[in-house]
Amino acid sequence: MVLRLWWINLKVPLISLFILLECSILTATALLRLNHTLREVIDRVNEKGGPYIGLVMAYSAEAHELQSSGIFIPNSINPWVDLSGRRFNVGSIREVNVIYVMSGQRRLNAGITVQILLDVFDIRGIVHYGTAGSANDSLSFGDVSIPKYVAFTGSWNWKKFNSQKTHLDELIFGEYDLPQKGGNLLRGLEFKTEEFYSVGEPMKQVFWLEMDPLWFNVAARLQDFKLQQCVNATYCLPEMPKVVYGLKGSTADIFVDNAAYRKFLFKKFQVSTVDEESAAILMTAMSSNVPCIVIRGVSDLAGGEEGKSSTSLSSLAAKNALSVAVQYIELMGPHF
């Protein structure tokens, strides 16, 4: 009788555990139709290699650096899965299982791509790398920034002429009138917060998005990582690029080619890099409680500067950002 009661009491947790295991396997493909032609392929990818680190980049040039490096080893059975016009490449980097995908530029593309990645595949975290413009004079070409915070700075209230200033941060156009400051009919922009939704939490209004603390702390070990200094055999940067840890970045669906606006972002928000995807990728991951790290190589001084060269260093910036991302993935290892 005691033995029988023990078995009955034990059976319930065993059944519960079985259900939980089944749910964890099915969750990744729950959003695919039961008759989806790729359902069996994706189930196999998840069961054989998951959980994966998702590696996301936005530009074809950034993807090219990874493809040409030979660092990524494609899976011999299922090297890729095509979904919603995007190719999710399955394989490994430094013996760590990885799925990499090029999102395309700007916030909508980035958010959609990461949501598909998280909904369909078994992902334990996101590493996002790419190039960025510098808004901080202390950052030089080829440097790599691993920011602690990223904000979306492209959401505004456009104020009426002669309207009063509020408690929100504003860009007043009249302060940039030439030859002297004046009253501009465009008035100015009032920066807005974002509505942030996450699992198990009520909606919150946020401006700064913070990297996952655990994943961010791992990145601290990369501050002395050696980067590439030379663009090619005949041109090298005057100083060795460096990895900079713990600054702030900004994202907007805007390519910043204006020195005055760059200086405003740095002065008002202490933003050091500007790009078009990082905040979307980070917010999408955070909404599902998935850790994310952002790694951005400096390719240019946003907006340039009068009298300075506009030489493109995008390739070097992408290579350095990729090198840091690969080293980060290796630090995370297969079982972190």
Protein backbone atom coordinates (compact mmCIF):
# COMPACT_ATOMS: atom_id res chain seq x y z
CA MET A 1 0.00 0.00 0.00
CA VAL A 2 2.81 2.39 0.79
CA LEU A 3 4.50 1.48 -2.46
CA ARG A 4 1.30 2.08 -4.38
CA LEU A 5 0.77 5.52 -2.82
CA TRP A 6 4.37 6.42 -3.59
CA TRP A 7 3.81 5.51 -7.22
CA ILE A 8 0.60 7.55 -7.45
CA ASN A 9 2.30 10.61 -5.91
CA LEU A 10 5.28 10.24 -8.18
CA LYS A 11 3.26 9.75 -11.33
CA VAL A 12 1.76 13.24 -11.29
CA PRO A 13 5.13 15.07 -11.33
CA LEU A 14 6.41 12.70 -14.00
CA ILE A 15 3.42 13.44 -16.22
CA SER A 16 3.82 17.17 -15.58
CA LEU A 17 7.50 16.99 -16.47
CA PHE A 18 6.68 15.10 -19.66
CA ILE A 19 4.14 17.76 -20.65
CA LEU A 20 6.63 20.56 -19.96
CA LEU A 21 9.27 18.86 -22.09
CA GLU A 22 6.80 18.35 -24.91
CA CYS A 23 5.69 22.00 -24.71
CA SER A 24 9.28 23.26 -24.81
CA ILE A 25 9.87 21.29 -28.01
CA LEU A 26 6.62 22.37 -29.65
CA THR A 27 6.78 26.06 -28.66
CA ALA A 28 9.41 26.93 -31.25
CA THR A 29 7.20 25.84 -34.16
CA ALA A 30 3.83 26.59 -32.60
CA LEU A 31 3.32 29.57 -34.93
CA LEU A 32 3.83 27.48 -38.07
CA ARG A 33 0.82 25.79 -39.62
CA LEU A 34 0.57 22.07 -38.95
CA ASN A 35 0.82 21.47 -42.70
CA HIS A 36 3.67 23.96 -43.25
CA THR A 37 6.13 22.44 -45.70
CA LEU A 38 9.10 23.32 -43.46
CA ARG A 39 7.66 22.22 -40.13
CA GLU A 40 9.52 18.90 -40.04
CA VAL A 41 12.76 20.58 -41.12
CA ILE A 42 12.55 23.19 -38.38
CA ASP A 43 11.64 20.57 -35.76
CA ARG A 44 14.74 18.64 -36.79
CA VAL A 45 16.93 21.75 -36.66
CA ASN A 46 15.71 22.58 -33.15
CA GLU A 47 15.93 19.05 -31.78
CA LYS A 48 19.40 18.31 -33.19
CA GLY A 49 21.15 21.63 -32.54
CA GLY A 50 19.17 23.82 -30.17
CA PRO A 51 19.34 25.99 -28.27
CA TYR A 52 21.20 28.29 -30.66
CA ILE A 53 22.72 31.74 -30.43
CA GLY A 54 20.99 33.97 -32.97
CA LEU A 55 23.47 36.14 -34.89
CA VAL A 56 21.81 39.12 -36.60
CA MET A 57 23.23 41.70 -38.99
CA ALA A 58 21.44 44.27 -41.17
CA TYR A 59 23.55 44.98 -44.27
CA SER A 60 24.70 42.65 -47.05
CA ALA A 61 28.27 43.94 -46.53
CA GLU A 62 28.13 42.79 -42.90
CA ALA A 63 26.85 39.36 -43.94
CA HIS A 64 29.56 39.17 -46.60
CA GLU A 65 32.29 39.59 -43.97
CA LEU A 66 30.95 36.57 -42.11
CA GLN A 67 30.51 34.48 -45.25
CA SER A 68 33.99 35.24 -46.59
CA SER A 69 35.71 34.66 -43.24
CA GLY A 70 35.11 30.91 -43.22
CA ILE A 71 34.35 31.12 -39.48
CA PHE A 72 30.77 29.94 -39.87
CA ILE A 73 30.47 26.18 -40.49
CA PRO A 74 27.13 25.30 -42.12
CA ASN A 75 25.11 22.35 -40.83
CA SER A 76 25.76 19.40 -43.15
CA ILE A 77 22.12 18.26 -43.19
CA ASN A 78 20.08 21.46 -42.94
CA PRO A 79 22.38 24.41 -43.76
CA TRP A 80 19.55 26.94 -44.07
CA VAL A 81 15.81 27.53 -43.78
CA ASP A 82 14.02 30.17 -45.87
CA LEU A 83 11.09 31.91 -44.14
CA SER A 84 9.23 35.09 -45.11
CA GLY A 85 11.86 35.95 -47.69
CA ARG A 86 14.71 35.66 -45.20
CA ARG A 87 17.39 32.98 -45.08
CA PHE A 88 18.15 31.59 -41.62
CA ASN A 89 21.57 29.95 -41.87
CA VAL A 90 22.12 26.99 -39.52
CA GLY A 91 25.57 25.94 -38.35
CA SER A 92 28.25 26.72 -35.81
CA ILE A 93 30.96 29.23 -34.90
CA ARG A 94 33.87 28.03 -32.77
CA GLU A 95 31.87 24.88 -31.87
CA VAL A 96 28.88 26.95 -30.68
CA ASN A 97 25.59 26.29 -32.50
CA VAL A 98 24.48 29.46 -34.29
CA ILE A 99 21.70 30.56 -36.61
CA TYR A 100 22.58 33.74 -38.47
CA VAL A 101 20.30 35.94 -40.53
CA MET A 102 20.49 39.26 -42.36
CA SER A 103 17.51 41.37 -41.31
CA GLY A 104 17.67 44.19 -43.81
CA GLN A 105 17.89 47.84 -42.84
CA ARG A 106 15.88 49.89 -40.34
CA ARG A 107 13.57 49.11 -37.47
CA LEU A 108 10.67 47.31 -39.14
CA ASN A 109 12.88 44.81 -40.97
CA ALA A 110 14.99 44.21 -37.87
CA GLY A 111 12.02 43.66 -35.56
CA ILE A 112 10.22 41.30 -37.95
CA THR A 113 13.34 39.22 -38.53
CA VAL A 114 14.16 38.78 -34.85
CA GLN A 115 10.54 37.93 -34.01
CA ILE A 116 10.57 35.15 -36.63
CA LEU A 117 13.90 33.92 -35.29
CA LEU A 118 12.56 33.73 -31.73
CA ASP A 119 9.14 32.30 -32.62
CA VAL A 120 10.36 29.52 -34.90
CA PHE A 121 13.80 28.49 -33.65
CA ASP A 122 15.14 27.43 -30.26
CA ILE A 123 17.21 30.55 -29.42
CA ARG A 124 19.02 31.16 -26.11
CA GLY A 125 20.19 34.69 -26.92
CA ILE A 126 20.85 37.24 -29.66
CA VAL A 127 24.20 38.69 -30.74
CA HIS A 128 23.72 41.68 -33.03
CA TYR A 129 26.72 43.14 -34.85
CA GLY A 130 27.18 45.74 -37.54
CA THR A 131 28.50 49.19 -38.38
CA ALA A 132 27.49 52.55 -36.92
CA GLY A 133 28.20 56.23 -37.16
CA SER A 134 30.05 57.87 -34.29
CA ALA A 135 28.48 60.73 -32.33
CA ASN A 136 31.31 60.84 -29.79
CA ASP A 137 34.64 62.46 -30.67
CA SER A 138 36.45 59.96 -28.42
CA LEU A 139 35.41 57.12 -30.76
CA SER A 140 37.62 56.70 -33.82
CA PHE A 141 37.23 54.86 -37.11
CA GLY A 142 37.46 51.08 -36.63
CA ASP A 143 36.63 51.21 -32.90
CA VAL A 144 33.97 48.78 -31.68
CA SER A 145 31.33 49.86 -29.16
CA ILE A 146 29.48 47.44 -26.88
CA PRO A 147 26.82 49.77 -25.44
CA LYS A 148 25.06 49.21 -22.14
CA TYR A 149 22.00 51.23 -23.19
CA VAL A 150 20.27 51.87 -26.51
CA ALA A 151 17.37 54.26 -27.16
CA PHE A 152 15.02 54.74 -30.09
CA THR A 153 15.43 58.42 -30.92
CA GLY A 154 13.18 58.53 -33.99
CA SER A 155 9.81 58.82 -32.25
CA TRP A 156 8.67 62.44 -31.89
CA ASN A 157 5.85 64.84 -31.20
CA TRP A 158 6.28 67.64 -33.74
CA LYS A 159 5.38 70.75 -31.77
CA LYS A 160 3.27 73.69 -32.91
CA PHE A 161 4.87 77.06 -33.44
CA ASN A 162 4.93 79.08 -30.18
CA SER A 163 3.93 76.03 -28.09
CA GLN A 164 5.41 75.79 -24.63
CA LYS A 165 8.28 73.53 -23.64
CA THR A 166 7.30 70.42 -21.67
CA HIS A 167 9.24 68.13 -19.35
CA LEU A 168 10.32 65.95 -22.29
CA ASP A 169 13.62 66.40 -24.13
CA GLU A 170 13.30 68.66 -27.16
CA LEU A 171 15.20 69.66 -30.27
CA ILE A 172 14.42 73.36 -30.95
CA PHE A 173 15.06 74.22 -34.62
CA GLY A 174 15.35 77.95 -33.91
CA GLU A 175 18.49 77.34 -31.86
CA TYR A 176 20.23 76.30 -35.09
CA ASP A 177 19.06 79.21 -37.26
CA LEU A 178 21.83 81.16 -39.03
CA PRO A 179 23.34 83.70 -38.82
CA GLN A 180 21.75 83.80 -35.36
CA LYS A 181 19.20 81.90 -33.31
CA GLY A 182 15.60 82.81 -33.95
CA GLY A 183 11.96 81.72 -33.98
CA ASN A 184 11.56 78.92 -36.52
CA LEU A 185 8.08 78.09 -37.82
CA LEU A 186 8.97 74.39 -37.67
CA ARG A 187 9.29 74.90 -33.87
CA GLY A 188 10.92 71.63 -32.87
CA LEU A 189 10.68 67.98 -31.92
CA GLU A 190 9.71 66.47 -28.58
CA PHE A 191 11.25 63.04 -28.08
CA LYS A 192 8.82 60.30 -27.09
CA THR A 193 9.16 57.12 -25.06
CA GLU A 194 8.32 53.69 -26.45
CA GLU A 195 5.61 51.28 -25.31
CA PHE A 196 7.43 48.18 -24.09
CA TYR A 197 5.59 44.87 -23.74
CA SER A 198 7.21 41.83 -22.13
CA VAL A 199 6.19 38.40 -20.91
CA GLY A 200 4.48 38.50 -17.51
CA GLU A 201 4.78 42.28 -17.12
CA PRO A 202 2.38 45.19 -17.71
CA MET A 203 3.16 47.56 -20.57
CA LYS A 204 5.75 50.21 -19.62
CA GLN A 205 6.86 53.50 -21.16
CA VAL A 206 10.63 53.34 -21.70
CA PHE A 207 13.29 55.42 -23.38
CA TRP A 208 16.52 53.58 -22.56
CA LEU A 209 16.77 49.85 -23.18
CA GLU A 210 19.41 48.08 -21.09
CA MET A 211 21.41 45.03 -22.15
CA ASP A 212 20.91 41.81 -20.21
CA PRO A 213 23.26 42.22 -17.19
CA LEU A 214 24.69 38.70 -17.35
CA TRP A 215 25.43 38.82 -21.06
CA PHE A 216 26.74 42.37 -20.76
CA ASN A 217 29.17 41.37 -18.00
CA VAL A 218 30.62 38.66 -20.24
CA ALA A 219 31.37 41.37 -22.83
CA ALA A 220 33.59 43.17 -20.30
CA ARG A 221 36.21 40.50 -20.99
CA LEU A 222 36.59 41.81 -24.57
CA GLN A 223 37.88 45.29 -23.71
CA ASP A 224 41.49 44.33 -24.45
CA PHE A 225 40.63 42.33 -27.58
CA LYS A 226 42.97 43.21 -30.46
CA LEU A 227 41.28 44.68 -33.52
CA GLN A 228 42.42 45.11 -37.12
CA GLN A 229 44.18 48.41 -37.88
CA CYS A 230 44.75 48.24 -41.65
CA VAL A 231 42.10 48.67 -44.31
CA ASN A 232 44.36 47.07 -46.91
CA ALA A 233 48.05 46.56 -47.67
CA THR A 234 48.62 50.24 -48.39
CA TYR A 235 46.37 52.04 -45.89
CA CYS A 236 46.35 51.68 -42.12
CA LEU A 237 44.67 53.81 -39.46
CA PRO A 238 47.02 56.09 -37.51
CA GLU A 239 46.03 54.43 -34.22
CA MET A 240 45.06 50.91 -33.21
CA PRO A 241 41.25 50.66 -32.90
CA LYS A 242 39.84 49.69 -29.50
CA VAL A 243 36.83 47.96 -27.97
CA VAL A 244 34.79 50.45 -25.93
CA TYR A 245 32.44 49.05 -23.30
CA GLY A 246 29.44 50.58 -21.54
CA LEU A 247 28.51 53.63 -23.68
CA LYS A 248 25.08 54.57 -25.09
CA GLY A 249 23.74 54.02 -28.59
CA SER A 250 20.75 55.36 -30.49
CA THR A 251 18.55 53.95 -33.23
CA ALA A 252 16.20 55.69 -35.67
CA ASP A 253 14.88 55.09 -39.17
CA ILE A 254 17.15 57.96 -40.18
CA PHE A 255 20.64 57.98 -41.65
CA VAL A 256 22.35 60.76 -39.72
CA ASP A 257 24.32 62.86 -42.20
CA ASN A 258 24.20 66.11 -40.27
CA ALA A 259 26.93 67.24 -37.89
CA ALA A 260 24.64 69.57 -35.89
CA TYR A 261 22.17 66.77 -35.18
CA ARG A 262 25.00 64.41 -34.25
CA LYS A 263 26.29 66.94 -31.72
CA PHE A 264 22.78 67.44 -30.37
CA LEU A 265 22.36 63.69 -29.75
CA PHE A 266 25.64 63.53 -27.89
CA LYS A 267 24.96 66.67 -25.83
CA LYS A 268 21.33 65.83 -24.96
CA PHE A 269 21.49 62.03 -24.55
CA GLN A 270 25.24 61.25 -24.33
CA VAL A 271 24.80 58.98 -27.36
CA SER A 272 28.08 57.65 -28.75
CA THR A 273 26.89 55.66 -31.80
CA VAL A 274 23.93 56.00 -34.16
CA ASP A 275 22.38 53.23 -36.26
CA GLU A 276 19.04 52.08 -37.66
CA GLU A 277 18.42 48.64 -36.08
CA SER A 278 19.89 48.04 -32.60
CA ALA A 279 16.97 49.27 -30.48
CA ALA A 280 14.46 47.23 -32.50
CA ILE A 281 16.51 44.05 -32.15
CA LEU A 282 17.07 44.62 -28.43
CA MET A 283 13.42 45.46 -27.67
CA THR A 284 12.12 42.44 -29.61
CA ALA A 285 14.45 40.12 -27.72
CA MET A 286 13.62 41.71 -24.36
CA SER A 287 9.87 41.31 -24.98
CA SER A 288 10.39 37.54 -24.99
CA ASN A 289 12.86 37.63 -22.07
CA VAL A 290 15.69 36.58 -24.38
CA PRO A 291 19.12 38.12 -23.65
CA CYS A 292 20.74 40.29 -26.31
CA ILE A 293 24.08 42.03 -26.83
CA VAL A 294 24.83 44.79 -29.37
CA ILE A 295 28.26 45.14 -31.03
CA ARG A 296 28.81 48.07 -33.42
CA GLY A 297 31.94 49.00 -35.37
CA VAL A 298 32.50 52.70 -36.11
CA SER A 299 32.55 53.29 -39.86
CA ASP A 300 32.19 57.07 -40.01
CA LEU A 301 31.67 60.26 -38.06
CA ALA A 302 27.91 60.80 -38.36
CA GLY A 303 27.35 63.88 -40.50
CA GLY A 304 31.05 64.29 -41.16
CA GLU A 305 32.93 67.47 -40.40
CA GLU A 306 33.92 70.34 -42.66
CA GLY A 307 37.45 69.94 -43.94
CA LYS A 308 37.67 66.26 -42.92
CA SER A 309 38.01 63.33 -45.28
CA SER A 310 34.90 61.27 -46.05
CA THR A 311 36.91 58.09 -46.76
CA SER A 312 34.66 55.07 -46.26
CA LEU A 313 35.86 52.60 -43.65
CA SER A 314 32.75 50.42 -43.58
CA SER A 315 34.59 47.23 -44.47
CA LEU A 316 37.10 47.58 -41.63
CA ALA A 317 34.34 48.51 -39.18
CA ALA A 318 32.32 45.44 -40.20
CA LYS A 319 35.36 43.16 -39.87
CA ASN A 320 36.21 44.47 -36.42
CA ALA A 321 32.60 44.20 -35.23
CA LEU A 322 32.43 40.64 -36.56
CA SER A 323 35.71 39.70 -34.85
CA VAL A 324 34.36 40.92 -31.51
CA ALA A 325 31.04 39.11 -32.08
CA VAL A 326 32.84 35.84 -32.86
CA GLN A 327 35.03 36.17 -29.77
CA TYR A 328 31.93 36.88 -27.70
CA ILE A 329 30.21 33.76 -29.03
CA GLU A 330 33.27 31.72 -28.15
CA LEU A 331 33.22 33.14 -24.60
CA MET A 332 29.56 32.16 -24.26
CA GLY A 333 30.43 28.61 -25.28
CA PRO A 334 27.95 25.86 -26.11
CA HIS A 335 26.42 25.53 -22.62
CA PHE A 336 26.39 29.03 -21.06
